[in-house]
PDB file of N, CA and C in Angstrom:
ATOM      1  N   MET A   1      14.853  -8.324 -15.641  1.00  0.00           N
ATOM      2  CA  MET A   1      14.856  -7.507 -14.448  1.00  0.00           C
ATOM      3  C   MET A   1      13.954  -6.288 -14.613  1.00  0.00           C
ATOM      4  N   ALA A   2      13.913  -5.735 -15.818  1.00  0.00           N
ATOM      5  CA  ALA A   2      13.052  -4.580 -16.071  1.00  0.00           C
ATOM      6  C   ALA A   2      11.581  -4.951 -15.902  1.00  0.00           C
ATOM      7  N   PHE A   3      11.246  -6.188 -16.254  1.00  0.00           N
ATOM      8  CA  PHE A   3       9.876  -6.680 -16.098  1.00  0.00           C
ATOM      9  C   PHE A   3       9.465  -6.657 -14.631  1.00  0.00           C
ATOM     10  N   LEU A   4      10.332  -7.138 -13.763  1.00  0.00           N
ATOM     11  CA  LEU A   4      10.039  -7.177 -12.329  1.00  0.00           C
ATOM     12  C   LEU A   4       9.961  -5.773 -11.742  1.00  0.00           C
ATOM     13  N   SER A   5      10.887  -4.910 -12.099  1.00  0.00           N
ATOM     14  CA  SER A   5      10.862  -3.553 -11.549  1.00  0.00           C
ATOM     15  C   SER A   5       9.633  -2.780 -12.029  1.00  0.00           C
ATOM     16  N   TYR A   6       9.188  -3.033 -13.256  1.00  0.00           N
ATOM     17  CA  TYR A   6       7.977  -2.387 -13.765  1.00  0.00           C
ATOM     18  C   TYR A   6       6.768  -2.769 -12.915  1.00  0.00           C
ATOM     19  N   HIS A   7       6.629  -4.051 -12.614  1.00  0.00           N
ATOM     20  CA  HIS A   7       5.478  -4.514 -11.839  1.00  0.00           C
ATOM     21  C   HIS A   7       5.564  -4.096 -10.374  1.00  0.00           C
ATOM     22  N   LEU A   8       6.742  -4.085  -9.804  1.00  0.00           N
ATOM     23  CA  LEU A   8       6.886  -3.606  -8.429  1.00  0.00           C
ATOM     24  C   LEU A   8       6.549  -2.123  -8.327  1.00  0.00           C
ATOM     25  N   LYS A   9       6.966  -1.355  -9.314  1.00  0.00           N
ATOM     26  CA  LYS A   9       6.633   0.075  -9.321  1.00  0.00           C
ATOM     27  C   LYS A   9       5.127   0.274  -9.456  1.00  0.00           C
ATOM     28  N   THR A  10       4.483  -0.531 -10.300  1.00  0.00           N
ATOM     29  CA  THR A  10       3.031  -0.433 -10.454  1.00  0.00           C
ATOM     30  C   THR A  10       2.319  -0.760  -9.155  1.00  0.00           C
ATOM     31  N   LEU A  11       2.759  -1.800  -8.457  1.00  0.00           N
ATOM     32  CA  LEU A  11       2.159  -2.140  -7.162  1.00  0.00           C
ATOM     33  C   LEU A  11       2.348  -1.011  -6.159  1.00  0.00           C
ATOM     34  N   PHE A  12       3.522  -0.407  -6.165  1.00  0.00           N
ATOM     35  CA  PHE A  12       3.768   0.706  -5.248  1.00  0.00           C
ATOM     36  C   PHE A  12       2.881   1.908  -5.582  1.00  0.00           C
ATOM     37  N   LEU A  13       2.643   2.162  -6.864  1.00  0.00           N
ATOM     38  CA  LEU A  13       1.823   3.310  -7.260  1.00  0.00           C
ATOM     39  C   LEU A  13       0.383   3.192  -6.767  1.00  0.00           C
ATOM     40  N   PHE A  14      -0.106   1.962  -6.591  1.00  0.00           N
ATOM     41  CA  PHE A  14      -1.446   1.782  -6.041  1.00  0.00           C
ATOM     42  C   PHE A  14      -1.541   2.343  -4.624  1.00  0.00           C
ATOM     43  N   THR A  15      -0.476   2.217  -3.854  1.00  0.00           N
ATOM     44  CA  THR A  15      -0.529   2.560  -2.427  1.00  0.00           C
ATOM     45  C   THR A  15       0.306   3.778  -2.054  1.00  0.00           C
ATOM     46  N   LYS A  16       0.938   4.409  -3.020  1.00  0.00           N
ATOM     47  CA  LYS A  16       1.878   5.503  -2.732  1.00  0.00           C
ATOM     48  C   LYS A  16       1.270   6.606  -1.871  1.00  0.00           C
ATOM     49  N   SER A  17       0.048   6.995  -2.163  1.00  0.00           N
ATOM     50  CA  SER A  17      -0.554   8.108  -1.424  1.00  0.00           C
ATOM     51  C   SER A  17      -1.040   7.706  -0.034  1.00  0.00           C
ATOM     52  N   ASP A  18      -1.043   6.415   0.279  1.00  0.00           N
ATOM     53  CA  ASP A  18      -1.539   5.952   1.575  1.00  0.00           C
ATOM     54  C   ASP A  18      -0.444   5.437   2.510  1.00  0.00           C
ATOM     55  N   VAL A  19       0.791   5.493   2.092  1.00  0.00           N
ATOM     56  CA  VAL A  19       1.872   4.974   2.943  1.00  0.00           C
ATOM     57  C   VAL A  19       2.000   5.791   4.222  1.00  0.00           C
ATOM     58  N   LYS A  20       2.013   7.117   4.096  1.00  0.00           N
ATOM     59  CA  LYS A  20       2.171   7.972   5.287  1.00  0.00           C
ATOM     60  C   LYS A  20       0.941   7.972   6.176  1.00  0.00           C
ATOM     61  N   THR A  21      -0.228   7.765   5.592  1.00  0.00           N
ATOM     62  CA  THR A  21      -1.455   7.847   6.383  1.00  0.00           C
ATOM     63  C   THR A  21      -1.934   6.509   6.915  1.00  0.00           C
ATOM     64  N   THR A  22      -1.444   5.409   6.364  1.00  0.00           N
ATOM     65  CA  THR A  22      -1.936   4.101   6.790  1.00  0.00           C
ATOM     66  C   THR A  22      -0.820   3.159   7.220  1.00  0.00           C
ATOM     67  N   VAL A  23       0.124   2.886   6.344  1.00  0.00           N
ATOM     68  CA  VAL A  23       1.135   1.865   6.628  1.00  0.00           C
ATOM     69  C   VAL A  23       1.989   2.242   7.834  1.00  0.00           C
ATOM     70  N   ILE A  24       2.486   3.455   7.860  1.00  0.00           N
ATOM     71  CA  ILE A  24       3.374   3.861   8.957  1.00  0.00           C
ATOM     72  C   ILE A  24       2.639   3.915  10.295  1.00  0.00           C
ATOM     73  N   PRO A  25       1.480   4.600  10.401  1.00  0.00           N
ATOM     74  CA  PRO A  25       0.809   4.630  11.708  1.00  0.00           C
ATOM     75  C   PRO A  25       0.357   3.258  12.202  1.00  0.00           C
ATOM     76  N   VAL A  26      -0.202   2.444  11.317  1.00  0.00           N
ATOM     77  CA  VAL A  26      -0.667   1.117  11.743  1.00  0.00           C
ATOM     78  C   VAL A  26       0.510   0.256  12.173  1.00  0.00           C
ATOM     79  N   SER A  27       1.620   0.341  11.470  1.00  0.00           N
ATOM     80  CA  SER A  27       2.806  -0.436  11.853  1.00  0.00           C
ATOM     81  C   SER A  27       3.365   0.023  13.194  1.00  0.00           C
ATOM     82  N   VAL A  28       3.364   1.325  13.432  1.00  0.00           N
ATOM     83  CA  VAL A  28       3.839   1.846  14.720  1.00  0.00           C
ATOM     84  C   VAL A  28       2.926   1.384  15.848  1.00  0.00           C
ATOM     85  N   PHE A  29       1.615   1.469  15.636  1.00  0.00           N
ATOM     86  CA  PHE A  29       0.677   1.008  16.663  1.00  0.00           C
ATOM     87  C   PHE A  29       0.808  -0.491  16.899  1.00  0.00           C
ATOM     88  N   ALA A  30       1.025  -1.265  15.846  1.00  0.00           N
ATOM     89  CA  ALA A  30       1.204  -2.709  16.003  1.00  0.00           C
ATOM     90  C   ALA A  30       2.468  -3.013  16.795  1.00  0.00           C
ATOM     91  N   ALA A  31       3.538  -2.285  16.517  1.00  0.00           N
ATOM     92  CA  ALA A  31       4.789  -2.497  17.253  1.00  0.00           C
ATOM     93  C   ALA A  31       4.640  -2.091  18.710  1.00  0.00           C
ATOM     94  N   ALA A  32       3.870  -1.037  18.973  1.00  0.00           N
ATOM     95  CA  ALA A  32       3.687  -0.572  20.349  1.00  0.00           C
ATOM     96  C   ALA A  32       2.738  -1.469  21.138  1.00  0.00           C
ATOM     97  N   ALA A  33       1.804  -2.107  20.465  1.00  0.00           N
ATOM     98  CA  ALA A  33       0.783  -2.893  21.156  1.00  0.00           C
ATOM     99  C   ALA A  33       1.188  -4.337  21.421  1.00  0.00           C
ATOM    100  N   THR A  34       2.194  -4.815  20.724  1.00  0.00           N
ATOM    101  CA  THR A  34       2.586  -6.213  20.904  1.00  0.00           C
ATOM    102  C   THR A  34       3.893  -6.303  21.671  1.00  0.00           C
ATOM    103  N   PRO A  35       4.031  -7.353  22.450  1.00  0.00           N
ATOM    104  CA  PRO A  35       5.292  -7.539  23.172  1.00  0.00           C
ATOM    105  C   PRO A  35       6.368  -8.129  22.255  1.00  0.00           C
ATOM    106  N   LEU A  36       7.026  -7.280  21.504  1.00  0.00           N
ATOM    107  CA  LEU A  36       8.074  -7.751  20.600  1.00  0.00           C
ATOM    108  C   LEU A  36       9.318  -8.131  21.393  1.00  0.00           C
ATOM    109  N   VAL A  37       9.814  -9.307  21.130  1.00  0.00           N
ATOM    110  CA  VAL A  37      11.068  -9.728  21.731  1.00  0.00           C
ATOM    111  C   VAL A  37      12.222  -9.031  21.021  1.00  0.00           C
ATOM    112  N   SER A  38      12.091  -8.914  19.717  1.00  0.00           N
ATOM    113  CA  SER A  38      13.082  -8.192  18.920  1.00  0.00           C
ATOM    114  C   SER A  38      12.354  -7.490  17.780  1.00  0.00           C
ATOM    115  N   PHE A  39      13.054  -6.626  17.114  1.00  0.00           N
ATOM    116  CA  PHE A  39      12.454  -5.900  16.005  1.00  0.00           C
ATOM    117  C   PHE A  39      12.619  -6.635  14.675  1.00  0.00           C
ATOM    118  N   ASP A  40      12.988  -7.906  14.724  1.00  0.00           N
ATOM    119  CA  ASP A  40      13.116  -8.694  13.504  1.00  0.00           C
ATOM    120  C   ASP A  40      11.771  -8.899  12.813  1.00  0.00           C
ATOM    121  N   CYS A  41      10.684  -8.863  13.565  1.00  0.00           N
ATOM    122  CA  CYS A  41       9.345  -9.062  12.999  1.00  0.00           C
ATOM    123  C   CYS A  41       8.776  -7.799  12.370  1.00  0.00           C
ATOM    124  N   LEU A  42       9.368  -6.671  12.622  1.00  0.00           N
ATOM    125  CA  LEU A  42       8.823  -5.403  12.137  1.00  0.00           C
ATOM    126  C   LEU A  42       8.716  -5.328  10.611  1.00  0.00           C
ATOM    127  N   PRO A  43       9.702  -5.764   9.828  1.00  0.00           N
ATOM    128  CA  PRO A  43       9.519  -5.745   8.369  1.00  0.00           C
ATOM    129  C   PRO A  43       8.344  -6.619   7.916  1.00  0.00           C
ATOM    130  N   HIS A  44       8.148  -7.740   8.599  1.00  0.00           N
ATOM    131  CA  HIS A  44       7.019  -8.612   8.282  1.00  0.00           C
ATOM    132  C   HIS A  44       5.699  -7.900   8.557  1.00  0.00           C
ATOM    133  N   VAL A  45       5.616  -7.186   9.666  1.00  0.00           N
ATOM    134  CA  VAL A  45       4.407  -6.432  10.019  1.00  0.00           C
ATOM    135  C   VAL A  45       4.143  -5.349   8.979  1.00  0.00           C
ATOM    136  N   ILE A  46       5.167  -4.614   8.614  1.00  0.00           N
ATOM    137  CA  ILE A  46       5.005  -3.541   7.628  1.00  0.00           C
ATOM    138  C   ILE A  46       4.556  -4.108   6.287  1.00  0.00           C
ATOM    139  N   PHE A  47       5.146  -5.215   5.861  1.00  0.00           N
ATOM    140  CA  PHE A  47       4.752  -5.842   4.595  1.00  0.00           C
ATOM    141  C   PHE A  47       3.318  -6.349   4.658  1.00  0.00           C
ATOM    142  N   TRP A  48       2.925  -6.939   5.780  1.00  0.00           N
ATOM    143  CA  TRP A  48       1.566  -7.459   5.957  1.00  0.00           C
ATOM    144  C   TRP A  48       0.538  -6.323   5.887  1.00  0.00           C
ATOM    145  N   VAL A  49       0.810  -5.227   6.552  1.00  0.00           N
ATOM    146  CA  VAL A  49      -0.090  -4.066   6.510  1.00  0.00           C
ATOM    147  C   VAL A  49      -0.158  -3.518   5.090  1.00  0.00           C
ATOM    148  N   TRP A  50       0.976  -3.442   4.413  1.00  0.00           N
ATOM    149  CA  TRP A  50       1.003  -2.940   3.041  1.00  0.00           C
ATOM    150  C   TRP A  50       0.204  -3.846   2.102  1.00  0.00           C
ATOM    151  N   LEU A  51       0.284  -5.169   2.286  1.00  0.00           N
ATOM    152  CA  LEU A  51      -0.488  -6.086   1.444  1.00  0.00           C
ATOM    153  C   LEU A  51      -1.987  -5.861   1.606  1.00  0.00           C
ATOM    154  N   HIS A  52      -2.426  -5.658   2.841  1.00  0.00           N
ATOM    155  CA  HIS A  52      -3.845  -5.384   3.066  1.00  0.00           C
ATOM    156  C   HIS A  52      -4.247  -4.049   2.446  1.00  0.00           C
ATOM    157  N   LEU A  53      -3.401  -3.066   2.553  1.00  0.00           N
ATOM    158  CA  LEU A  53      -3.668  -1.769   1.933  1.00  0.00           C
ATOM    159  C   LEU A  53      -3.720  -1.905   0.411  1.00  0.00           C
ATOM    160  N   LEU A  54      -2.829  -2.691  -0.157  1.00  0.00           N
ATOM    161  CA  LEU A  54      -2.818  -2.912  -1.603  1.00  0.00           C
ATOM    162  C   LEU A  54      -4.130  -3.539  -2.062  1.00  0.00           C
ATOM    163  N   GLN A  55      -4.598  -4.543  -1.341  1.00  0.00           N
ATOM    164  CA  GLN A  55      -5.862  -5.195  -1.695  1.00  0.00           C
ATOM    165  C   GLN A  55      -7.015  -4.199  -1.627  1.00  0.00           C
ATOM    166  N   PHE A  56      -7.041  -3.395  -0.596  1.00  0.00           N
ATOM    167  CA  PHE A  56      -8.102  -2.398  -0.442  1.00  0.00           C
ATOM    168  C   PHE A  56      -8.052  -1.365  -1.566  1.00  0.00           C
ATOM    169  N   ASP A  57      -6.863  -0.855  -1.862  1.00  0.00           N
ATOM    170  CA  ASP A  57      -6.731   0.180  -2.889  1.00  0.00           C
ATOM    171  C   ASP A  57      -7.068  -0.341  -4.285  1.00  0.00           C
ATOM    172  N   VAL A  58      -6.633  -1.548  -4.607  1.00  0.00           N
ATOM    173  CA  VAL A  58      -6.948  -2.114  -5.921  1.00  0.00           C
ATOM    174  C   VAL A  58      -8.456  -2.307  -6.051  1.00  0.00           C
ATOM    175  N   SER A  59      -9.075  -2.836  -5.016  1.00  0.00           N
ATOM    176  CA  SER A  59     -10.525  -3.025  -5.035  1.00  0.00           C
ATOM    177  C   SER A  59     -11.251  -1.692  -5.163  1.00  0.00           C
ATOM    178  N   ASN A  60     -10.815  -0.716  -4.410  1.00  0.00           N
ATOM    179  CA  ASN A  60     -11.442   0.601  -4.434  1.00  0.00           C
ATOM    180  C   ASN A  60     -11.297   1.266  -5.804  1.00  0.00           C
ATOM    181  N   GLN A  61     -10.138   1.169  -6.406  1.00  0.00           N
ATOM    182  CA  GLN A  61      -9.910   1.793  -7.704  1.00  0.00           C
ATOM    183  C   GLN A  61     -10.641   1.055  -8.822  1.00  0.00           C
ATOM    184  N   TYR A  62     -10.789  -0.252  -8.664  1.00  0.00           N
ATOM    185  CA  TYR A  62     -11.466  -1.052  -9.681  1.00  0.00           C
ATOM    186  C   TYR A  62     -12.969  -0.776  -9.698  1.00  0.00           C
ATOM    187  N   LEU A  63     -13.559  -0.546  -8.521  1.00  0.00           N
ATOM    188  CA  LEU A  63     -15.007  -0.366  -8.435  1.00  0.00           C
ATOM    189  C   LEU A  63     -15.481   0.959  -9.020  1.00  0.00           C
ATOM    190  N   ASP A  64     -14.712   2.010  -8.909  1.00  0.00           N
ATOM    191  CA  ASP A  64     -15.143   3.313  -9.416  1.00  0.00           C
ATOM    192  C   ASP A  64     -13.964   4.082 -10.022  1.00  0.00           C
ATOM    193  N   PRO A  65     -13.513   3.663 -11.200  1.00  0.00           N
ATOM    194  CA  PRO A  65     -12.353   4.338 -11.801  1.00  0.00           C
ATOM    195  C   PRO A  65     -12.633   5.775 -12.234  1.00  0.00           C
ATOM    196  N   THR A  66     -13.893   6.116 -12.500  1.00  0.00           N
ATOM    197  CA  THR A  66     -14.186   7.494 -12.913  1.00  0.00           C
ATOM    198  C   THR A  66     -13.975   8.477 -11.764  1.00  0.00           C
ATOM    199  N   GLU A  67     -14.322   8.072 -10.546  1.00  0.00           N
ATOM    200  CA  GLU A  67     -14.084   8.943  -9.387  1.00  0.00           C
ATOM    201  C   GLU A  67     -12.591   9.126  -9.149  1.00  0.00           C
ATOM    202  N   ASP A  68     -11.835   8.023  -9.243  1.00  0.00           N
ATOM    203  CA  ASP A  68     -10.391   8.121  -9.050  1.00  0.00           C
ATOM    204  C   ASP A  68      -9.720   8.889 -10.183  1.00  0.00           C
ATOM    205  N   ALA A  69     -10.306   8.871 -11.364  1.00  0.00           N
ATOM    206  CA  ALA A  69      -9.741   9.652 -12.469  1.00  0.00           C
ATOM    207  C   ALA A  69      -9.798  11.145 -12.157  1.00  0.00           C
ATOM    208  N   LEU A  70     -10.791  11.554 -11.391  1.00  0.00           N
ATOM    209  CA  LEU A  70     -10.891  12.958 -10.985  1.00  0.00           C
ATOM    210  C   LEU A  70     -10.047  13.258  -9.751  1.00  0.00           C
ATOM    211  N   ASN A  71     -10.111  12.376  -8.748  1.00  0.00           N
ATOM    212  CA  ASN A  71      -9.456  12.635  -7.464  1.00  0.00           C
ATOM    213  C   ASN A  71      -7.977  12.274  -7.440  1.00  0.00           C
ATOM    214  N   LYS A  72      -7.635  11.144  -8.016  1.00  0.00           N
ATOM    215  CA  LYS A  72      -6.247  10.663  -7.977  1.00  0.00           C
ATOM    216  C   LYS A  72      -5.855  10.124  -9.354  1.00  0.00           C
ATOM    217  N   PRO A  73      -5.654  10.998 -10.320  1.00  0.00           N
ATOM    218  CA  PRO A  73      -5.373  10.543 -11.683  1.00  0.00           C
ATOM    219  C   PRO A  73      -4.006   9.883 -11.859  1.00  0.00           C
ATOM    220  N   ASP A  74      -3.131   9.987 -10.868  1.00  0.00           N
ATOM    221  CA  ASP A  74      -1.803   9.392 -10.991  1.00  0.00           C
ATOM    222  C   ASP A  74      -1.792   7.905 -10.656  1.00  0.00           C
ATOM    223  N   ARG A  75      -2.878   7.378 -10.121  1.00  0.00           N
ATOM    224  CA  ARG A  75      -2.921   5.956  -9.772  1.00  0.00           C
ATOM    225  C   ARG A  75      -3.035   5.104 -11.029  1.00  0.00           C
ATOM    226  N   PRO A  76      -2.612   3.825 -10.964  1.00  0.00           N
ATOM    227  CA  PRO A  76      -2.503   3.000 -12.176  1.00  0.00           C
ATOM    228  C   PRO A  76      -3.802   2.786 -12.958  1.00  0.00           C
ATOM    229  N   ILE A  77      -4.908   2.481 -12.298  1.00  0.00           N
ATOM    230  CA  ILE A  77      -6.131   2.185 -13.047  1.00  0.00           C
ATOM    231  C   ILE A  77      -6.700   3.436 -13.715  1.00  0.00           C
ATOM    232  N   PRO A  78      -6.859   4.561 -13.011  1.00  0.00           N
ATOM    233  CA  PRO A  78      -7.387   5.747 -13.696  1.00  0.00           C
ATOM    234  C   PRO A  78      -6.465   6.301 -14.788  1.00  0.00           C
ATOM    235  N   SER A  79      -5.167   6.119 -14.619  1.00  0.00           N
ATOM    236  CA  SER A  79      -4.247   6.671 -15.620  1.00  0.00           C
ATOM    237  C   SER A  79      -4.134   5.792 -16.857  1.00  0.00           C
ATOM    238  N   GLY A  80      -4.678   4.573 -16.773  1.00  0.00           N
ATOM    239  CA  GLY A  80      -4.691   3.699 -17.943  1.00  0.00           C
ATOM    240  C   GLY A  80      -3.495   2.847 -17.966  1.00  0.00           C
TER     241      GLY A  80
END
């Protein structure tokens, strides 16, 4: 169980600084723009947006780790 929680925490650390600026607003706009019959789909939307953000952040951190080491040293790749 510790193995799984370690990896989930690492995945969250990639996107932690972007949750308030990306995941929440995009999810709210998606919920407002679509004719939802129920809010059962909302967790799926939030997870889908987060997955795309995770892919973007991992790619961004991988391409230039020296810049992220200066700007965001708490992220997984720059912190080692």
